Amino acid sequence: MVFDYLADEEKYLLPLNKNYRKLIRGNYKIIYRVADKEIWIENLFESRLEPIEMVKNL
């Protein structure tokens, strides 16, 4: 896949060791990870909230 690692790693999720990436659009973060040849969208997070809320929802 060409675009699978285009986005930055999400630093708040690094301790989970699942290589989560983030795309930011407006006030939202799309949290995704790549597994084999698939892209899994794990969370849609309103970035105005505290980052701990993002971790709780995974």
Protein backbone atom coordinates (compact mmCIF):
# COMPACT_ATOMS: atom_id res chain seq x y z
CA MET A 1 0.00 0.00 0.00
CA VAL A 2 1.26 3.42 -0.86
CA PHE A 3 -0.42 5.51 1.82
CA ASP A 4 -0.47 3.15 4.80
CA TYR A 5 2.36 4.86 6.71
CA LEU A 6 1.80 8.37 5.37
CA ALA A 7 0.62 9.76 8.72
CA ASP A 8 2.63 10.29 11.91
CA GLU A 9 2.62 7.86 14.80
CA GLU A 10 0.27 8.82 17.63
CA LYS A 11 2.63 9.51 20.54
CA TYR A 12 -0.03 8.93 23.22
CA LEU A 13 -0.56 5.38 21.96
CA LEU A 14 3.09 4.33 21.56
CA PRO A 15 3.07 2.28 24.81
CA LEU A 16 0.45 -0.02 23.27
CA ASN A 17 2.98 -1.19 20.64
CA LYS A 18 0.44 -1.46 17.83
CA ASN A 19 1.90 1.21 15.54
CA TYR A 20 -1.13 3.51 15.67
CA ARG A 21 -1.08 6.40 13.20
CA LYS A 22 -3.11 9.60 13.10
CA LEU A 23 -4.64 11.75 10.42
CA ILE A 24 -5.96 15.14 11.49
CA ARG A 25 -8.90 16.81 9.80
CA GLY A 26 -10.32 19.93 11.45
CA ASN A 27 -10.92 19.13 15.13
CA TYR A 28 -10.78 15.38 14.61
CA LYS A 29 -8.08 12.72 14.64
CA ILE A 30 -8.55 9.49 12.74
CA ILE A 31 -6.58 6.81 14.56
CA TYR A 32 -5.64 3.81 12.43
CA ARG A 33 -3.19 0.94 12.28
CA VAL A 34 -1.89 -1.28 9.52
CA ALA A 35 -2.13 -5.06 9.87
CA ASP A 36 -0.81 -7.16 7.00
CA LYS A 37 -2.28 -5.48 3.92
CA GLU A 38 -5.27 -3.95 5.67
CA ILE A 39 -5.82 -0.58 7.27
CA TRP A 40 -7.96 -0.67 10.42
CA ILE A 41 -9.63 2.53 11.58
CA GLU A 42 -9.58 2.21 15.36
CA ASN A 43 -11.01 5.51 16.54
CA LEU A 44 -12.40 8.86 15.46
CA PHE A 45 -11.37 11.26 18.20
CA GLU A 46 -12.34 14.88 18.79
CA SER A 47 -8.92 16.43 19.37
CA ARG A 48 -10.24 19.14 21.70
CA LEU A 49 -10.70 16.44 24.38
CA GLU A 50 -7.98 15.19 26.72
CA PRO A 51 -5.71 12.55 25.12
CA ILE A 52 -6.48 10.08 27.93
CA GLU A 53 -9.99 9.82 26.47
CA MET A 54 -8.50 8.57 23.22
CA VAL A 55 -6.67 5.78 25.03
CA LYS A 56 -9.78 4.75 26.96
CA ASN A 57 -11.73 4.20 23.73
CA LEU A 58 -9.34 1.70 22.17
